N, C-alpha and C. Protein backbone atom coordinates (compact mmCIF):
# COMPACT_ATOMS: atom_id res chain seq x y z
N MET A 1 -9.57 44.02 13.13
CA MET A 1 -9.73 42.58 13.28
C MET A 1 -8.98 41.89 12.14
N ARG A 2 -8.29 40.83 12.52
CA ARG A 2 -7.51 40.11 11.51
C ARG A 2 -8.44 39.26 10.65
N GLY A 3 -8.01 39.07 9.41
CA GLY A 3 -8.80 38.24 8.50
C GLY A 3 -8.67 36.77 8.87
N TYR A 4 -9.61 35.97 8.41
CA TYR A 4 -9.64 34.54 8.72
C TYR A 4 -8.37 33.85 8.24
N TYR A 5 -7.92 34.18 7.02
CA TYR A 5 -6.78 33.48 6.46
C TYR A 5 -5.45 34.00 6.98
N SER A 6 -5.44 35.17 7.65
CA SER A 6 -4.18 35.65 8.21
C SER A 6 -3.95 35.08 9.61
N ASP A 7 -4.94 34.41 10.17
CA ASP A 7 -4.81 33.80 11.49
C ASP A 7 -3.98 32.53 11.36
N PRO A 8 -2.83 32.44 12.05
CA PRO A 8 -1.97 31.25 11.89
C PRO A 8 -2.64 29.96 12.34
N THR A 9 -3.47 30.02 13.36
CA THR A 9 -4.13 28.78 13.81
C THR A 9 -5.14 28.32 12.77
N ALA A 10 -5.79 29.28 12.10
CA ALA A 10 -6.74 28.90 11.05
C ALA A 10 -5.99 28.29 9.88
N LYS A 11 -4.83 28.87 9.53
CA LYS A 11 -4.03 28.31 8.44
C LYS A 11 -3.60 26.88 8.78
N GLN A 12 -3.19 26.68 10.03
CA GLN A 12 -2.77 25.35 10.45
C GLN A 12 -3.94 24.37 10.39
N ALA A 13 -5.11 24.83 10.81
CA ALA A 13 -6.29 23.97 10.77
C ALA A 13 -6.64 23.60 9.33
N ILE A 14 -6.54 24.57 8.42
CA ILE A 14 -6.82 24.30 7.01
C ILE A 14 -5.82 23.29 6.47
N ALA A 15 -4.54 23.48 6.82
CA ALA A 15 -3.50 22.56 6.36
C ALA A 15 -3.75 21.15 6.89
N ASN A 16 -4.17 21.05 8.15
CA ASN A 16 -4.46 19.74 8.74
C ASN A 16 -5.62 19.06 8.02
N VAL A 17 -6.66 19.82 7.71
CA VAL A 17 -7.82 19.25 7.02
C VAL A 17 -7.42 18.76 5.64
N GLU A 18 -6.62 19.57 4.92
CA GLU A 18 -6.16 19.17 3.59
C GLU A 18 -5.32 17.91 3.66
N ARG A 19 -4.42 17.85 4.64
CA ARG A 19 -3.56 16.67 4.80
C ARG A 19 -4.39 15.43 5.08
N GLU A 20 -5.37 15.56 5.97
CA GLU A 20 -6.23 14.42 6.30
C GLU A 20 -7.01 13.95 5.07
N ARG A 21 -7.49 14.90 4.26
CA ARG A 21 -8.25 14.55 3.07
C ARG A 21 -7.38 13.79 2.08
N LYS A 22 -6.14 14.26 1.89
CA LYS A 22 -5.22 13.58 0.97
C LYS A 22 -4.89 12.18 1.48
N LEU A 23 -4.64 12.06 2.78
CA LEU A 23 -4.32 10.75 3.34
C LEU A 23 -5.49 9.79 3.16
N GLU A 24 -6.71 10.29 3.37
CA GLU A 24 -7.89 9.44 3.22
C GLU A 24 -8.05 8.98 1.77
N GLU A 25 -7.79 9.88 0.81
CA GLU A 25 -7.86 9.49 -0.61
C GLU A 25 -6.82 8.43 -0.93
N GLN A 26 -5.60 8.60 -0.42
CA GLN A 26 -4.55 7.61 -0.65
C GLN A 26 -4.93 6.27 -0.05
N ARG A 27 -5.50 6.30 1.16
CA ARG A 27 -5.91 5.08 1.84
C ARG A 27 -6.96 4.34 1.01
N LYS A 28 -7.94 5.08 0.50
CA LYS A 28 -8.99 4.46 -0.33
C LYS A 28 -8.40 3.86 -1.60
N LYS A 29 -7.47 4.60 -2.23
CA LYS A 29 -6.87 4.12 -3.47
C LYS A 29 -6.07 2.84 -3.21
N ARG A 30 -5.30 2.82 -2.12
CA ARG A 30 -4.52 1.62 -1.78
C ARG A 30 -5.43 0.43 -1.52
N GLU A 31 -6.53 0.67 -0.82
CA GLU A 31 -7.48 -0.41 -0.51
C GLU A 31 -8.08 -0.97 -1.80
N GLU A 32 -8.46 -0.08 -2.73
CA GLU A 32 -9.02 -0.54 -4.00
C GLU A 32 -7.99 -1.35 -4.78
N GLU A 33 -6.74 -0.86 -4.81
CA GLU A 33 -5.69 -1.58 -5.54
C GLU A 33 -5.43 -2.95 -4.91
N ARG A 34 -5.45 -2.99 -3.58
CA ARG A 34 -5.21 -4.26 -2.88
C ARG A 34 -6.32 -5.25 -3.21
N LEU A 35 -7.56 -4.79 -3.20
CA LEU A 35 -8.68 -5.68 -3.53
C LEU A 35 -8.59 -6.14 -4.98
N TYR A 36 -8.20 -5.24 -5.88
CA TYR A 36 -8.08 -5.61 -7.29
C TYR A 36 -7.00 -6.67 -7.46
N ARG A 37 -5.85 -6.47 -6.79
CA ARG A 37 -4.77 -7.46 -6.88
C ARG A 37 -5.21 -8.80 -6.32
N LYS A 38 -5.99 -8.76 -5.24
CA LYS A 38 -6.47 -10.00 -4.63
C LYS A 38 -7.38 -10.75 -5.60
N VAL A 39 -8.21 -10.01 -6.33
CA VAL A 39 -9.11 -10.64 -7.30
C VAL A 39 -8.30 -11.21 -8.46
N GLN A 40 -7.26 -10.49 -8.90
CA GLN A 40 -6.47 -10.92 -10.04
C GLN A 40 -5.57 -12.11 -9.72
N ARG A 41 -5.23 -12.29 -8.44
CA ARG A 41 -4.31 -13.36 -8.06
C ARG A 41 -4.96 -14.71 -8.31
N LYS A 42 -4.22 -15.60 -8.93
CA LYS A 42 -4.74 -16.94 -9.19
C LYS A 42 -4.19 -17.91 -8.16
N GLU A 43 -4.99 -18.86 -7.78
CA GLU A 43 -4.53 -19.91 -6.88
C GLU A 43 -3.72 -20.92 -7.69
N PRO A 44 -2.66 -21.49 -7.12
CA PRO A 44 -1.90 -22.48 -7.87
C PRO A 44 -2.73 -23.73 -8.12
N ALA A 45 -2.47 -24.37 -9.25
CA ALA A 45 -3.20 -25.58 -9.59
C ALA A 45 -2.85 -26.67 -8.58
N PRO A 46 -3.80 -27.53 -8.20
CA PRO A 46 -3.54 -28.53 -7.16
C PRO A 46 -2.52 -29.59 -7.57
N TYR A 47 -2.34 -29.83 -8.87
CA TYR A 47 -1.43 -30.88 -9.30
C TYR A 47 0.01 -30.40 -9.41
N LYS A 48 0.24 -29.09 -9.30
CA LYS A 48 1.61 -28.58 -9.42
C LYS A 48 2.33 -28.75 -8.09
N LYS A 49 3.63 -29.06 -8.20
CA LYS A 49 4.45 -29.19 -7.01
C LYS A 49 4.77 -27.82 -6.45
N ALA A 50 4.91 -27.75 -5.15
CA ALA A 50 5.34 -26.50 -4.54
C ALA A 50 6.81 -26.28 -4.88
N LYS A 51 7.17 -25.03 -5.08
CA LYS A 51 8.56 -24.73 -5.43
C LYS A 51 9.45 -24.90 -4.21
N LYS A 52 10.69 -25.33 -4.47
CA LYS A 52 11.65 -25.44 -3.38
C LYS A 52 12.18 -24.06 -3.05
N GLY A 53 12.71 -23.93 -1.86
CA GLY A 53 13.30 -22.67 -1.43
C GLY A 53 14.65 -22.46 -2.08
N ASN A 54 15.32 -21.42 -1.71
CA ASN A 54 16.64 -21.13 -2.25
C ASN A 54 17.66 -22.05 -1.59
N GLY A 55 18.07 -23.07 -2.33
CA GLY A 55 19.06 -24.02 -1.83
C GLY A 55 20.44 -23.61 -2.26
N PRO A 56 21.41 -24.51 -2.09
CA PRO A 56 22.76 -24.21 -2.53
C PRO A 56 22.82 -24.07 -4.05
N LYS A 57 23.67 -23.16 -4.51
CA LYS A 57 23.77 -22.90 -5.94
C LYS A 57 24.70 -23.90 -6.63
N ASN A 58 25.57 -24.56 -5.88
CA ASN A 58 26.53 -25.51 -6.45
C ASN A 58 25.80 -26.82 -6.76
N PRO A 59 25.79 -27.27 -8.03
CA PRO A 59 25.06 -28.50 -8.36
C PRO A 59 25.70 -29.76 -7.78
N ASP A 60 26.97 -29.70 -7.37
CA ASP A 60 27.64 -30.86 -6.78
C ASP A 60 27.11 -31.16 -5.38
N ILE A 61 26.57 -30.15 -4.73
CA ILE A 61 26.06 -30.33 -3.37
C ILE A 61 24.57 -30.67 -3.48
N PRO A 62 24.15 -31.84 -2.98
CA PRO A 62 22.72 -32.18 -3.04
C PRO A 62 21.92 -31.31 -2.08
N ASN A 63 20.66 -31.10 -2.42
CA ASN A 63 19.82 -30.24 -1.57
C ASN A 63 19.44 -30.96 -0.32
């Protein structure tokens, strides 16, 4: 009888479980980082003007 770890389907199943575990850890870490960034982000002050978009670079041409 073949050993458990010499069975290719068992090896593939183990690899799949490991991959899923790593992906889940990465997903959790990204979610935590996203929430942390959201908390750290400040809202712009209401009295500040909104920035203009990228207009022409030549100062002779009015926006």
